[in-house]
Amino acid sequence: MKKIFYSEKYGWSFPGKYILLAIPAIVGLIYFENIFINIILSLYLFGCVIGFFKGDR
């Protein structure tokens, strides 16, 4: 089975996908001081953590 593939439901899938998607959220939490933006980034980061453990399958 290929490590990089595309599915109609999840889009592109490859090892480390959710780690790469979580990097902007971590940087944003460190950089921004606005509470509203931090809440949005925290929810996004939480979704990345769920995706990391659950996967695309």
PDB file of N, CA and C in Angstrom:
ATOM      1  N   MET A   1       0.831  -1.179   0.000  1.00  0.00           N
ATOM      2  CA  MET A   1       0.000   0.000   0.000  1.00  0.00           C
ATOM      3  C   MET A   1       0.881   1.249   0.000  1.00  0.00           C
ATOM      4  N   LYS A   2       0.496   2.230  -0.794  1.00  0.00           N
ATOM      5  CA  LYS A   2       1.275   3.462  -0.862  1.00  0.00           C
ATOM      6  C   LYS A   2       1.145   4.253   0.431  1.00  0.00           C
ATOM      7  N   LYS A   3       2.205   4.975   0.776  1.00  0.00           N
ATOM      8  CA  LYS A   3       2.160   5.809   1.968  1.00  0.00           C
ATOM      9  C   LYS A   3       1.471   7.140   1.699  1.00  0.00           C
ATOM     10  N   ILE A   4       1.532   7.612   0.465  1.00  0.00           N
ATOM     11  CA  ILE A   4       0.866   8.857   0.095  1.00  0.00           C
ATOM     12  C   ILE A   4      -0.257   8.510  -0.873  1.00  0.00           C
ATOM     13  N   PHE A   5      -1.481   8.877  -0.502  1.00  0.00           N
ATOM     14  CA  PHE A   5      -2.604   8.591  -1.376  1.00  0.00           C
ATOM     15  C   PHE A   5      -3.673   9.667  -1.215  1.00  0.00           C
ATOM     16  N   TYR A   6      -4.610   9.688  -2.127  1.00  0.00           N
ATOM     17  CA  TYR A   6      -5.697  10.665  -2.112  1.00  0.00           C
ATOM     18  C   TYR A   6      -7.023   9.937  -2.011  1.00  0.00           C
ATOM     19  N   SER A   7      -7.880  10.411  -1.126  1.00  0.00           N
ATOM     20  CA  SER A   7      -9.229   9.854  -1.031  1.00  0.00           C
ATOM     21  C   SER A   7     -10.233  10.997  -1.146  1.00  0.00           C
ATOM     22  N   GLU A   8     -11.412  10.687  -1.653  1.00  0.00           N
ATOM     23  CA  GLU A   8     -12.452  11.704  -1.828  1.00  0.00           C
ATOM     24  C   GLU A   8     -12.921  12.249  -0.481  1.00  0.00           C
ATOM     25  N   LYS A   9     -12.899  11.447   0.546  1.00  0.00           N
ATOM     26  CA  LYS A   9     -13.420  11.856   1.850  1.00  0.00           C
ATOM     27  C   LYS A   9     -12.415  12.686   2.649  1.00  0.00           C
ATOM     28  N   TYR A  10     -11.122  12.302   2.641  1.00  0.00           N
ATOM     29  CA  TYR A  10     -10.136  12.932   3.506  1.00  0.00           C
ATOM     30  C   TYR A  10      -9.089  13.762   2.768  1.00  0.00           C
ATOM     31  N   GLY A  11      -9.057  13.726   1.465  1.00  0.00           N
ATOM     32  CA  GLY A  11      -8.029  14.447   0.717  1.00  0.00           C
ATOM     33  C   GLY A  11      -6.722  13.685   0.742  1.00  0.00           C
ATOM     34  N   TRP A  12      -5.628  14.419   0.677  1.00  0.00           N
ATOM     35  CA  TRP A  12      -4.311  13.777   0.672  1.00  0.00           C
ATOM     36  C   TRP A  12      -3.985  13.233   2.039  1.00  0.00           C
ATOM     37  N   SER A  13      -3.398  12.066   2.069  1.00  0.00           N
ATOM     38  CA  SER A  13      -3.012  11.430   3.312  1.00  0.00           C
ATOM     39  C   SER A  13      -1.564  10.975   3.200  1.00  0.00           C
ATOM     40  N   PHE A  14      -0.776  11.320   4.194  1.00  0.00           N
ATOM     41  CA  PHE A  14       0.627  10.922   4.241  1.00  0.00           C
ATOM     42  C   PHE A  14       1.076  10.927   5.695  1.00  0.00           C
ATOM     43  N   PRO A  15       2.148  10.199   6.020  1.00  0.00           N
ATOM     44  CA  PRO A  15       2.636  10.169   7.396  1.00  0.00           C
ATOM     45  C   PRO A  15       3.041  11.566   7.863  1.00  0.00           C
ATOM     46  N   GLY A  16       2.621  11.924   9.047  1.00  0.00           N
ATOM     47  CA  GLY A  16       2.970  13.226   9.613  1.00  0.00           C
ATOM     48  C   GLY A  16       2.073  14.359   9.173  1.00  0.00           C
ATOM     49  N   LYS A  17       0.950  14.053   8.508  1.00  0.00           N
ATOM     50  CA  LYS A  17       0.055  15.088   7.998  1.00  0.00           C
ATOM     51  C   LYS A  17      -0.449  15.987   9.128  1.00  0.00           C
ATOM     52  N   TYR A  18      -0.918  15.407  10.204  1.00  0.00           N
ATOM     53  CA  TYR A  18      -1.497  16.199  11.281  1.00  0.00           C
ATOM     54  C   TYR A  18      -0.442  16.916  12.109  1.00  0.00           C
ATOM     55  N   ILE A  19       0.757  16.402  12.131  1.00  0.00           N
ATOM     56  CA  ILE A  19       1.846  17.119  12.800  1.00  0.00           C
ATOM     57  C   ILE A  19       2.168  18.394  12.032  1.00  0.00           C
ATOM     58  N   LEU A  20       2.232  18.292  10.704  1.00  0.00           N
ATOM     59  CA  LEU A  20       2.479  19.483   9.885  1.00  0.00           C
ATOM     60  C   LEU A  20       1.337  20.484   9.984  1.00  0.00           C
ATOM     61  N   LEU A  21       0.106  19.998  10.065  1.00  0.00           N
ATOM     62  CA  LEU A  21      -1.036  20.898  10.193  1.00  0.00           C
ATOM     63  C   LEU A  21      -1.098  21.568  11.566  1.00  0.00           C
ATOM     64  N   ALA A  22      -0.515  20.958  12.588  1.00  0.00           N
ATOM     65  CA  ALA A  22      -0.556  21.516  13.941  1.00  0.00           C
ATOM     66  C   ALA A  22       0.506  22.586  14.173  1.00  0.00           C
ATOM     67  N   ILE A  23       1.546  22.615  13.371  1.00  0.00           N
ATOM     68  CA  ILE A  23       2.631  23.582  13.569  1.00  0.00           C
ATOM     69  C   ILE A  23       2.141  25.027  13.533  1.00  0.00           C
ATOM     70  N   PRO A  24       1.307  25.449  12.550  1.00  0.00           N
ATOM     71  CA  PRO A  24       0.824  26.840  12.567  1.00  0.00           C
ATOM     72  C   PRO A  24      -0.001  27.171  13.813  1.00  0.00           C
ATOM     73  N   ALA A  25      -0.744  26.216  14.343  1.00  0.00           N
ATOM     74  CA  ALA A  25      -1.530  26.462  15.553  1.00  0.00           C
ATOM     75  C   ALA A  25      -0.630  26.679  16.757  1.00  0.00           C
ATOM     76  N   ILE A  26       0.422  25.902  16.863  1.00  0.00           N
ATOM     77  CA  ILE A  26       1.348  26.059  17.991  1.00  0.00           C
ATOM     78  C   ILE A  26       2.065  27.394  17.908  1.00  0.00           C
ATOM     79  N   VAL A  27       2.519  27.752  16.722  1.00  0.00           N
ATOM     80  CA  VAL A  27       3.187  29.046  16.538  1.00  0.00           C
ATOM     81  C   VAL A  27       2.215  30.185  16.819  1.00  0.00           C
ATOM     82  N   GLY A  28       0.975  30.051  16.368  1.00  0.00           N
ATOM     83  CA  GLY A  28      -0.033  31.088  16.600  1.00  0.00           C
ATOM     84  C   GLY A  28      -0.359  31.251  18.066  1.00  0.00           C
ATOM     85  N   LEU A  29      -0.420  30.159  18.807  1.00  0.00           N
ATOM     86  CA  LEU A  29      -0.679  30.259  20.246  1.00  0.00           C
ATOM     87  C   LEU A  29       0.445  30.979  20.965  1.00  0.00           C
ATOM     88  N   ILE A  30       1.655  30.809  20.502  1.00  0.00           N
ATOM     89  CA  ILE A  30       2.793  31.495  21.113  1.00  0.00           C
ATOM     90  C   ILE A  30       2.816  32.961  20.711  1.00  0.00           C
ATOM     91  N   TYR A  31       2.489  33.252  19.453  1.00  0.00           N
ATOM     92  CA  TYR A  31       2.637  34.599  18.907  1.00  0.00           C
ATOM     93  C   TYR A  31       1.487  35.539  19.270  1.00  0.00           C
ATOM     94  N   PHE A  32       0.246  35.099  19.116  1.00  0.00           N
ATOM     95  CA  PHE A  32      -0.905  35.980  19.315  1.00  0.00           C
ATOM     96  C   PHE A  32      -1.283  36.093  20.778  1.00  0.00           C
ATOM     97  N   GLU A  33      -1.738  37.289  21.179  1.00  0.00           N
ATOM     98  CA  GLU A  33      -2.184  37.515  22.544  1.00  0.00           C
ATOM     99  C   GLU A  33      -3.696  37.677  22.636  1.00  0.00           C
ATOM    100  N   ASN A  34      -4.385  37.755  21.504  1.00  0.00           N
ATOM    101  CA  ASN A  34      -5.820  37.919  21.481  1.00  0.00           C
ATOM    102  C   ASN A  34      -6.497  36.630  21.943  1.00  0.00           C
ATOM    103  N   ILE A  35      -7.404  36.742  22.916  1.00  0.00           N
ATOM    104  CA  ILE A  35      -8.072  35.574  23.489  1.00  0.00           C
ATOM    105  C   ILE A  35      -8.919  34.850  22.440  1.00  0.00           C
ATOM    106  N   PHE A  36      -9.632  35.611  21.603  1.00  0.00           N
ATOM    107  CA  PHE A  36     -10.497  35.007  20.581  1.00  0.00           C
ATOM    108  C   PHE A  36      -9.684  34.163  19.599  1.00  0.00           C
ATOM    109  N   ILE A  37      -8.568  34.689  19.139  1.00  0.00           N
ATOM    110  CA  ILE A  37      -7.705  33.943  18.210  1.00  0.00           C
ATOM    111  C   ILE A  37      -7.116  32.722  18.898  1.00  0.00           C
ATOM    112  N   ASN A  38      -6.748  32.858  20.159  1.00  0.00           N
ATOM    113  CA  ASN A  38      -6.197  31.719  20.900  1.00  0.00           C
ATOM    114  C   ASN A  38      -7.227  30.607  21.071  1.00  0.00           C
ATOM    115  N   ILE A  39      -8.499  30.971  21.264  1.00  0.00           N
ATOM    116  CA  ILE A  39      -9.545  29.954  21.384  1.00  0.00           C
ATOM    117  C   ILE A  39      -9.702  29.204  20.064  1.00  0.00           C
ATOM    118  N   ILE A  40      -9.727  29.936  18.958  1.00  0.00           N
ATOM    119  CA  ILE A  40      -9.854  29.302  17.643  1.00  0.00           C
ATOM    120  C   ILE A  40      -8.667  28.388  17.358  1.00  0.00           C
ATOM    121  N   LEU A  41      -7.453  28.869  17.649  1.00  0.00           N
ATOM    122  CA  LEU A  41      -6.261  28.047  17.422  1.00  0.00           C
ATOM    123  C   LEU A  41      -6.226  26.823  18.336  1.00  0.00           C
ATOM    124  N   SER A  42      -6.740  26.968  19.553  1.00  0.00           N
ATOM    125  CA  SER A  42      -6.791  25.823  20.468  1.00  0.00           C
ATOM    126  C   SER A  42      -7.744  24.755  19.946  1.00  0.00           C
ATOM    127  N   LEU A  43      -8.886  25.170  19.420  1.00  0.00           N
ATOM    128  CA  LEU A  43      -9.827  24.210  18.841  1.00  0.00           C
ATOM    129  C   LEU A  43      -9.220  23.523  17.626  1.00  0.00           C
ATOM    130  N   TYR A  44      -8.524  24.294  16.799  1.00  0.00           N
ATOM    131  CA  TYR A  44      -7.850  23.738  15.624  1.00  0.00           C
ATOM    132  C   TYR A  44      -6.782  22.724  16.044  1.00  0.00           C
ATOM    133  N   LEU A  45      -6.001  23.074  17.057  1.00  0.00           N
ATOM    134  CA  LEU A  45      -4.965  22.175  17.552  1.00  0.00           C
ATOM    135  C   LEU A  45      -5.579  20.908  18.146  1.00  0.00           C
ATOM    136  N   PHE A  46      -6.688  21.056  18.838  1.00  0.00           N
ATOM    137  CA  PHE A  46      -7.393  19.895  19.389  1.00  0.00           C
ATOM    138  C   PHE A  46      -7.849  18.964  18.267  1.00  0.00           C
ATOM    139  N   GLY A  47      -8.348  19.529  17.183  1.00  0.00           N
ATOM    140  CA  GLY A  47      -8.745  18.734  16.022  1.00  0.00           C
ATOM    141  C   GLY A  47      -7.568  18.011  15.401  1.00  0.00           C
ATOM    142  N   CYS A  48      -6.406  18.658  15.364  1.00  0.00           N
ATOM    143  CA  CYS A  48      -5.203  18.012  14.831  1.00  0.00           C
ATOM    144  C   CYS A  48      -4.765  16.842  15.712  1.00  0.00           C
ATOM    145  N   VAL A  49      -4.899  17.003  17.012  1.00  0.00           N
ATOM    146  CA  VAL A  49      -4.534  15.919  17.932  1.00  0.00           C
ATOM    147  C   VAL A  49      -5.477  14.729  17.738  1.00  0.00           C
ATOM    148  N   ILE A  50      -6.771  15.004  17.602  1.00  0.00           N
ATOM    149  CA  ILE A  50      -7.721  13.926  17.349  1.00  0.00           C
ATOM    150  C   ILE A  50      -7.397  13.238  16.030  1.00  0.00           C
ATOM    151  N   GLY A  51      -7.115  14.019  14.991  1.00  0.00           N
ATOM    152  CA  GLY A  51      -6.774  13.446  13.696  1.00  0.00           C
ATOM    153  C   GLY A  51      -5.501  12.626  13.751  1.00  0.00           C
ATOM    154  N   PHE A  52      -4.538  13.065  14.557  1.00  0.00           N
ATOM    155  CA  PHE A  52      -3.281  12.319  14.686  1.00  0.00           C
ATOM    156  C   PHE A  52      -3.532  10.937  15.264  1.00  0.00           C
ATOM    157  N   PHE A  53      -4.364  10.848  16.285  1.00  0.00           N
ATOM    158  CA  PHE A  53      -4.599   9.558  16.925  1.00  0.00           C
ATOM    159  C   PHE A  53      -5.626   8.708  16.174  1.00  0.00           C
ATOM    160  N   LYS A  54      -6.640   9.342  15.614  1.00  0.00           N
ATOM    161  CA  LYS A  54      -7.672   8.581  14.905  1.00  0.00           C
ATOM    162  C   LYS A  54      -7.236   8.214  13.498  1.00  0.00           C
ATOM    163  N   GLY A  55      -6.541   9.109  12.811  1.00  0.00           N
ATOM    164  CA  GLY A  55      -6.085   8.828  11.464  1.00  0.00           C
ATOM    165  C   GLY A  55      -7.153   9.105  10.429  1.00  0.00           C
ATOM    166  N   ASP A  56      -6.849   8.828   9.185  1.00  0.00           N
ATOM    167  CA  ASP A  56      -7.747   9.096   8.068  1.00  0.00           C
ATOM    168  C   ASP A  56      -8.523   7.872   7.611  1.00  0.00           C
ATOM    169  N   ARG A  57      -8.462   6.812   8.328  1.00  0.00           N
ATOM    170  CA  ARG A  57      -9.115   5.597   7.846  1.00  0.00           C
ATOM    171  C   ARG A  57     -10.403   5.351   8.556  1.00  0.00           C
TER     172      ARG A  57
END
